[in-house]
Amino acid sequence: MSRIDFIGNEKTINRLRNLAKSRRIAHAYLFSGPEGVGKKRAAIEFGRTLLCEKKKSDPCGKCRSCGQSGKGIHPGLRIITREKDRKDILISQIRELIRELSFVGQGERIIIIDDAHRMSEEAMNALLKTLEEAPDQVLMILVTSNPSGLLPTIRSRCQSVLFFPIPEEKLYALLDLPKKEAHFVASLAEGSASRAIELGEGIEEWQGEVREILEKVEAGDINSVIESLSKIRDVSRTRDKAKRILRIAALSLRQALREHAGAPLPHLPKSTKQTEIDDLANQLEILIDHEKMIDRNVNVSLAVENALLRIE
């Protein structure tokens, strides 16, 4: 679990390495922070380290346990995520986990619940009892970018491990782009390495899309935006594209707000710069809200149309 692999969160990783070395481990941890900063990867590496036969601050990579955990087949390392095409982690998944944990004599077990805030309320309530009466040799790690989406009673039973946004200058260094574009992408990524890489890979496509959507937002030209989204037949592509458009438009509007506060932002379209600060703040709130609606499986075209109608 090398610190150099977690840019911007070296102190957090150092804390986890020290915990692993000392073996003073709590029964549950909450890894929280922005998306794309390495929380899940850190949880997996922490689990691999604790399962390693050498019992040091990093997995040795040579023992039988490291061989299994490196291939994702270690019986003591379980990762729970949303099932395909599901918006929530289901109560049935948590019940199955509880059933497995009831078996004794299985040795040390590390349970990682990714996007833990995606658990349904029923699933959270089912998990709560397990957190309160954690079996011996079981470590639970909840990973989330939205800790407020978890029940307060769950948060209170976990030790907090905070991850932080990656500094803009460090994101810039990760990008294989011309200087001007790299600075722009890094400024839009909001401290997320995965978001910066995603934006950088599609920059030629989304720059035009964002400029167009912002111009249409100001002009109130809704129909053409909805029509273009409707032409994409693949539902998952439609959803991803709508989320990308709204996210980048929202980030661009946030940049415009900063410009009004005195920060120079030469990359934004002129039309955005001329918008009044109160209107920009309102537009930003609406766009971010509707991105979340899309992620909750609300009809994509309807969510985009509602966002633009409210902005108009």
Protein backbone atom coordinates (compact mmCIF):
# COMPACT_ATOMS: atom_id res chain seq x y z
CA MET A 1 0.00 0.00 0.00
CA SER A 2 2.61 2.46 -1.15
CA ARG A 3 1.96 6.14 -0.43
CA ILE A 4 3.03 7.12 -3.95
CA ASP A 5 0.04 5.22 -5.37
CA PHE A 6 -2.43 7.50 -3.58
CA ILE A 7 -1.58 11.01 -4.72
CA GLY A 8 -2.87 13.68 -2.37
CA ASN A 9 -3.78 11.21 0.39
CA GLU A 10 -0.35 10.13 1.57
CA LYS A 11 -1.12 10.94 5.24
CA THR A 12 -4.27 8.81 5.17
CA ILE A 13 -2.39 5.89 3.62
CA ASN A 14 0.40 6.28 6.17
CA ARG A 15 -2.20 6.03 8.94
CA LEU A 16 -3.56 2.78 7.44
CA ARG A 17 -0.05 1.35 7.08
CA ASN A 18 0.66 2.12 10.74
CA LEU A 19 -2.61 0.49 11.78
CA ALA A 20 -1.78 -2.61 9.77
CA LYS A 21 1.68 -2.83 11.25
CA SER A 22 0.46 -2.38 14.84
CA ARG A 23 -2.54 -4.70 14.33
CA ARG A 24 -4.61 -2.35 16.51
CA ILE A 25 -7.65 -2.70 14.28
CA ALA A 26 -11.22 -1.57 14.98
CA HIS A 27 -14.13 -3.79 13.97
CA ALA A 28 -15.45 -1.29 11.38
CA TYR A 29 -14.13 1.63 9.34
CA LEU A 30 -15.82 4.23 7.17
CA PHE A 31 -13.66 5.31 4.22
CA SER A 32 -15.20 8.55 3.00
CA GLY A 33 -14.20 11.23 0.52
CA PRO A 34 -14.76 12.43 -3.05
CA GLU A 35 -15.17 10.02 -5.93
CA GLY A 36 -12.04 9.01 -7.79
CA VAL A 37 -9.41 9.48 -5.06
CA GLY A 38 -8.64 5.80 -4.37
CA LYS A 39 -10.92 4.91 -1.43
CA LYS A 40 -11.94 1.48 -2.70
CA ARG A 41 -8.42 0.63 -3.81
CA ALA A 42 -7.09 1.67 -0.40
CA ALA A 43 -9.70 -0.51 1.31
CA ILE A 44 -8.68 -3.51 -0.78
CA GLU A 45 -4.97 -2.95 -0.16
CA PHE A 46 -5.62 -2.50 3.57
CA GLY A 47 -7.52 -5.78 3.59
CA ARG A 48 -4.77 -7.55 1.63
CA THR A 49 -2.20 -6.25 4.10
CA LEU A 50 -4.15 -7.57 7.09
CA LEU A 51 -4.52 -10.97 5.45
CA CYS A 52 -0.85 -11.17 4.43
CA GLU A 53 1.10 -13.88 6.26
CA LYS A 54 4.07 -11.55 6.86
CA LYS A 55 1.96 -9.22 9.07
CA LYS A 56 3.73 -6.01 8.02
CA SER A 57 2.55 -2.59 6.81
CA ASP A 58 2.17 -3.69 3.17
CA PRO A 59 1.18 -6.95 1.47
CA CYS A 60 4.35 -8.91 0.68
CA GLY A 61 2.98 -10.07 -2.67
CA LYS A 62 4.69 -13.45 -2.30
CA CYS A 63 2.79 -15.49 0.26
CA ARG A 64 -0.18 -17.73 -0.55
CA SER A 65 -2.61 -15.22 0.92
CA CYS A 66 -1.25 -12.36 -1.22
CA GLY A 67 -1.40 -14.59 -4.28
CA GLN A 68 -5.09 -15.26 -3.68
CA SER A 69 -6.05 -11.69 -2.71
CA GLY A 70 -4.12 -10.28 -5.68
CA LYS A 71 -6.23 -12.44 -7.99
CA GLY A 72 -9.47 -11.57 -6.19
CA ILE A 73 -10.07 -15.13 -5.01
CA HIS A 74 -9.16 -14.96 -1.32
CA PRO A 75 -12.01 -16.50 0.70
CA GLY A 76 -11.40 -13.99 3.48
CA LEU A 77 -11.74 -10.88 1.32
CA ARG A 78 -15.28 -10.08 0.21
CA ILE A 79 -16.33 -7.01 -1.78
CA ILE A 80 -20.02 -6.14 -1.95
CA THR A 81 -21.21 -3.81 -4.72
CA ARG A 82 -24.47 -3.04 -6.46
CA GLU A 83 -25.69 -5.83 -8.71
CA LYS A 84 -25.75 -5.05 -12.41
CA ASP A 85 -28.65 -2.78 -13.43
CA ARG A 86 -29.55 -2.13 -9.79
CA LYS A 87 -29.49 1.33 -8.24
CA ASP A 88 -29.21 0.05 -4.66
CA ILE A 89 -27.35 -2.59 -2.68
CA LEU A 90 -30.20 -4.92 -1.84
CA ILE A 91 -31.23 -6.30 1.52
CA SER A 92 -30.86 -9.80 0.05
CA GLN A 93 -27.13 -9.13 -0.44
CA ILE A 94 -26.74 -8.05 3.17
CA ARG A 95 -28.75 -11.00 4.44
CA GLU A 96 -26.50 -13.35 2.48
CA LEU A 97 -23.46 -11.64 4.02
CA ILE A 98 -24.92 -12.02 7.53
CA ARG A 99 -25.58 -15.70 6.84
CA GLU A 100 -21.98 -16.23 5.74
CA LEU A 101 -20.61 -14.43 8.78
CA SER A 102 -22.63 -16.69 11.08
CA PHE A 103 -20.40 -19.64 10.19
CA VAL A 104 -17.60 -20.05 12.74
CA GLY A 105 -14.01 -21.14 12.22
CA GLN A 106 -13.45 -19.39 8.89
CA GLY A 107 -10.48 -17.32 10.06
CA GLU A 108 -9.91 -13.62 9.48
CA ARG A 109 -12.39 -11.99 7.12
CA ILE A 110 -12.43 -8.54 5.53
CA ILE A 111 -15.77 -7.26 4.22
CA ILE A 112 -15.72 -4.20 1.94
CA ILE A 113 -19.02 -2.55 1.01
CA ASP A 114 -18.40 -0.20 -1.91
CA ASP A 115 -20.71 2.79 -2.38
CA ALA A 116 -22.18 1.93 1.01
CA HIS A 117 -24.60 4.87 0.80
CA ARG A 118 -26.30 2.92 -2.00
CA MET A 119 -27.66 0.40 0.47
CA SER A 120 -31.41 0.49 0.75
CA GLU A 121 -32.74 1.56 4.15
CA GLU A 122 -33.74 -2.04 4.83
CA ALA A 123 -30.21 -3.20 3.98
CA MET A 124 -28.70 -0.59 6.32
CA ASN A 125 -30.95 -1.66 9.17
CA ALA A 126 -30.03 -5.29 8.57
CA LEU A 127 -26.32 -4.43 8.59
CA LEU A 128 -26.63 -2.39 11.79
CA LYS A 129 -27.07 -5.41 14.04
CA THR A 130 -23.95 -7.01 12.54
CA LEU A 131 -21.97 -3.82 13.20
CA GLU A 132 -23.23 -3.78 16.80
CA GLU A 133 -22.35 -7.45 17.37
CA ALA A 134 -19.43 -7.92 14.99
CA PRO A 135 -18.12 -11.50 15.04
CA ASP A 136 -14.52 -12.01 16.08
CA GLN A 137 -11.94 -11.76 13.29
CA VAL A 138 -14.33 -9.82 11.06
CA LEU A 139 -13.45 -6.35 9.79
CA MET A 140 -16.06 -4.25 7.98
CA ILE A 141 -14.98 -1.41 5.70
CA LEU A 142 -17.70 0.85 4.30
CA VAL A 143 -16.60 2.96 1.33
CA THR A 144 -18.61 6.04 0.37
CA SER A 145 -18.50 9.41 -1.33
CA ASN A 146 -21.69 10.40 0.51
CA PRO A 147 -21.43 9.57 4.24
CA SER A 148 -24.60 11.56 4.99
CA GLY A 149 -26.45 8.97 2.91
CA LEU A 150 -25.78 6.39 5.63
CA LEU A 151 -27.84 6.03 8.78
CA PRO A 152 -26.30 8.03 11.67
CA THR A 153 -26.29 4.85 13.75
CA ILE A 154 -24.09 3.15 11.13
CA ARG A 155 -21.68 6.08 10.94
CA SER A 156 -21.36 6.18 14.72
CA ARG A 157 -20.26 2.54 14.84
CA CYS A 158 -17.39 3.00 12.38
CA GLN A 159 -14.04 4.67 12.80
CA SER A 160 -13.69 7.39 10.20
CA VAL A 161 -10.91 7.39 7.61
CA LEU A 162 -11.03 10.54 5.51
CA PHE A 163 -9.81 10.90 1.93
CA PHE A 164 -9.34 14.31 0.39
CA PRO A 165 -9.57 15.87 -3.09
CA ILE A 166 -6.35 15.60 -5.06
CA PRO A 167 -4.70 19.03 -5.48
CA GLU A 168 -5.21 20.54 -8.92
CA GLU A 169 -1.49 20.75 -9.67
CA LYS A 170 -1.10 17.02 -9.00
CA LEU A 171 -4.02 16.17 -11.27
CA TYR A 172 -2.45 18.34 -13.96
CA ALA A 173 0.73 16.26 -13.77
CA LEU A 174 -1.28 13.06 -14.39
CA LEU A 175 -2.74 14.25 -17.70
CA ASP A 176 -1.13 13.60 -21.06
CA LEU A 177 -2.58 16.73 -22.66
CA PRO A 178 -1.31 20.06 -23.96
CA LYS A 179 -0.71 22.54 -21.14
CA LYS A 180 -3.83 24.65 -21.70
CA GLU A 181 -6.21 21.68 -21.94
CA ALA A 182 -4.57 19.89 -18.99
CA HIS A 183 -5.07 22.90 -16.73
CA PHE A 184 -8.70 23.19 -17.83
CA VAL A 185 -9.45 19.50 -17.24
CA ALA A 186 -7.69 19.52 -13.85
CA SER A 187 -9.74 22.53 -12.78
CA LEU A 188 -12.99 20.79 -13.76
CA ALA A 189 -12.15 17.45 -12.12
CA GLU A 190 -12.78 18.69 -8.57
CA GLY A 191 -9.93 16.71 -7.06
CA SER A 192 -10.88 13.39 -8.66
CA ALA A 193 -8.20 11.47 -10.57
CA SER A 194 -10.71 9.18 -12.29
CA ARG A 195 -12.82 12.17 -13.36
CA ALA A 196 -9.75 14.01 -14.68
CA ILE A 197 -8.72 10.99 -16.75
CA GLU A 198 -12.28 10.53 -18.06
CA LEU A 199 -12.56 14.19 -19.01
CA GLY A 200 -9.12 14.19 -20.58
CA GLU A 201 -9.87 11.17 -22.76
CA GLY A 202 -13.09 12.70 -24.14
CA ILE A 203 -12.06 16.33 -24.28
CA GLU A 204 -12.59 16.78 -28.01
CA GLU A 205 -16.18 15.53 -27.73
CA TRP A 206 -17.34 17.19 -24.53
CA GLN A 207 -15.84 20.63 -25.08
CA GLY A 208 -18.22 21.17 -27.96
CA GLU A 209 -21.13 19.59 -26.09
CA VAL A 210 -20.67 21.79 -23.05
CA ARG A 211 -20.31 24.97 -25.07
CA GLU A 212 -23.49 24.05 -26.94
CA ILE A 213 -25.48 23.15 -23.82
CA LEU A 214 -24.49 26.36 -22.05
CA GLU A 215 -25.49 28.45 -25.04
CA LYS A 216 -28.85 26.65 -25.21
CA VAL A 217 -29.38 27.06 -21.47
CA GLU A 218 -29.11 30.81 -21.87
CA ALA A 219 -31.19 30.86 -25.04
CA GLY A 220 -33.87 28.58 -23.58
CA ASP A 221 -33.50 26.24 -26.57
CA ILE A 222 -34.65 23.02 -24.91
CA ASN A 223 -36.08 20.91 -27.71
CA SER A 224 -32.85 20.44 -29.66
CA VAL A 225 -31.03 19.18 -26.56
CA ILE A 226 -33.73 16.63 -25.78
CA GLU A 227 -33.87 15.58 -29.42
CA SER A 228 -30.15 14.88 -29.57
CA LEU A 229 -30.34 12.75 -26.43
CA SER A 230 -33.33 10.83 -27.75
CA LYS A 231 -31.40 9.77 -30.85
CA ILE A 232 -29.03 7.65 -28.81
CA ARG A 233 -30.73 4.29 -28.62
CA ASP A 234 -28.48 2.57 -26.07
CA VAL A 235 -30.02 3.41 -22.69
CA SER A 236 -26.75 3.16 -20.75
CA ARG A 237 -24.98 5.41 -23.24
CA THR A 238 -27.81 7.90 -23.03
CA ARG A 239 -27.60 7.95 -19.26
CA ASP A 240 -23.82 8.30 -19.20
CA LYS A 241 -23.88 11.03 -21.82
CA ALA A 242 -26.62 12.99 -20.06
CA LYS A 243 -24.75 12.75 -16.76
CA ARG A 244 -21.53 13.88 -18.42
CA ILE A 245 -23.20 16.87 -20.07
CA LEU A 246 -24.88 18.00 -16.84
CA ARG A 247 -21.81 17.40 -14.71
CA ILE A 248 -19.46 19.34 -16.96
CA ALA A 249 -21.99 22.11 -17.50
CA ALA A 250 -22.37 22.37 -13.71
CA LEU A 251 -18.61 22.41 -13.23
CA SER A 252 -18.26 25.09 -15.90
CA LEU A 253 -20.89 27.18 -14.17
CA ARG A 254 -19.07 26.75 -10.88
CA GLN A 255 -15.93 28.03 -12.60
CA ALA A 256 -17.91 31.03 -13.79
CA LEU A 257 -18.92 31.72 -10.20
CA ARG A 258 -15.27 31.71 -9.22
CA GLU A 259 -14.55 34.12 -12.04
CA HIS A 260 -17.11 36.53 -10.62
CA ALA A 261 -15.21 36.23 -7.34
CA GLY A 262 -12.04 37.37 -9.05
CA ALA A 263 -10.38 34.19 -10.38
CA PRO A 264 -9.46 34.49 -14.09
CA LEU A 265 -10.98 31.71 -16.20
CA PRO A 266 -10.08 32.25 -19.85
CA HIS A 267 -11.33 28.83 -21.00
CA LEU A 268 -15.07 29.44 -20.52
CA PRO A 269 -17.37 30.52 -23.35
CA LYS A 270 -18.02 34.25 -23.42
CA SER A 271 -21.74 33.70 -23.01
CA THR A 272 -21.13 32.07 -19.61
CA LYS A 273 -18.99 34.93 -18.38
CA GLN A 274 -21.79 37.42 -19.00
CA THR A 275 -24.35 35.64 -16.85
CA GLU A 276 -25.20 37.32 -13.56
CA ILE A 277 -23.78 35.65 -10.45
CA ASP A 278 -27.18 34.98 -8.85
CA ASP A 279 -28.44 33.27 -11.99
CA LEU A 280 -25.26 31.20 -12.20
CA ALA A 281 -25.63 30.02 -8.61
CA ASN A 282 -29.22 28.96 -9.30
CA GLN A 283 -28.27 27.17 -12.53
CA LEU A 284 -25.47 25.32 -10.78
CA GLU A 285 -27.77 24.02 -8.06
CA ILE A 286 -30.35 22.86 -10.60
CA LEU A 287 -27.85 21.05 -12.82
CA ILE A 288 -26.18 19.21 -9.94
CA ASP A 289 -29.57 18.21 -8.54
CA HIS A 290 -30.63 16.75 -11.87
CA GLU A 291 -27.40 14.83 -12.30
CA LYS A 292 -28.31 13.02 -9.07
CA MET A 293 -31.80 12.35 -10.45
CA ILE A 294 -30.31 10.62 -13.47
CA ASP A 295 -28.14 8.48 -11.19
CA ARG A 296 -31.30 7.37 -9.35
CA ASN A 297 -32.70 5.98 -12.62
CA VAL A 298 -35.07 8.86 -13.34
CA ASN A 299 -35.95 9.10 -17.04
CA VAL A 300 -32.89 10.71 -18.66
CA SER A 301 -34.60 12.96 -21.19
CA LEU A 302 -37.16 14.06 -18.61
CA ALA A 303 -34.45 14.94 -16.09
CA VAL A 304 -32.54 17.02 -18.64
CA GLU A 305 -35.71 18.73 -19.83
CA ASN A 306 -36.76 19.55 -16.26
CA ALA A 307 -33.34 21.02 -15.53
CA LEU A 308 -33.42 23.25 -18.59
CA LEU A 309 -37.03 24.29 -18.04
CA ARG A 310 -36.25 25.38 -14.49
CA ILE A 311 -33.21 27.32 -15.67
CA GLU A 312 -35.07 29.08 -18.49
